[in-house]
């Protein structure tokens, strides 16, 4: 259920941006979500629609941009693509990679009026 609090946080950021950038309506929200961020996108879409009902983002379209996971291998000293936090290095098979990217969520763009 943490997707509901994520949706509420996204809406709060949108409303704060509306105050500082002087817009009154949001048509589309682009969210970049990392593959390692542990976010269920269908649940996030549902909860965003729920929390946005009485806001400037009512009926806004939520566009999800998937960001692949990337780790750093301390053995072969190279970056490697990963799809879960427990993956091995695709080059040497080492486990215990350092997460470099793909573990966050951020608003990348808003279509507003």
Foldseek 3Di string as FASTA:
>chain_A
DCLLVVLVVVQVVVVVCCVVVVFQAFAEWEKEAFLAQPDDVVVNQVNNQVVCCPGRDHNHHYHYHYDWWWWADPPVGDIATDNYQFAARPPPRHTDTHTDDRRDMDTDDTDTD
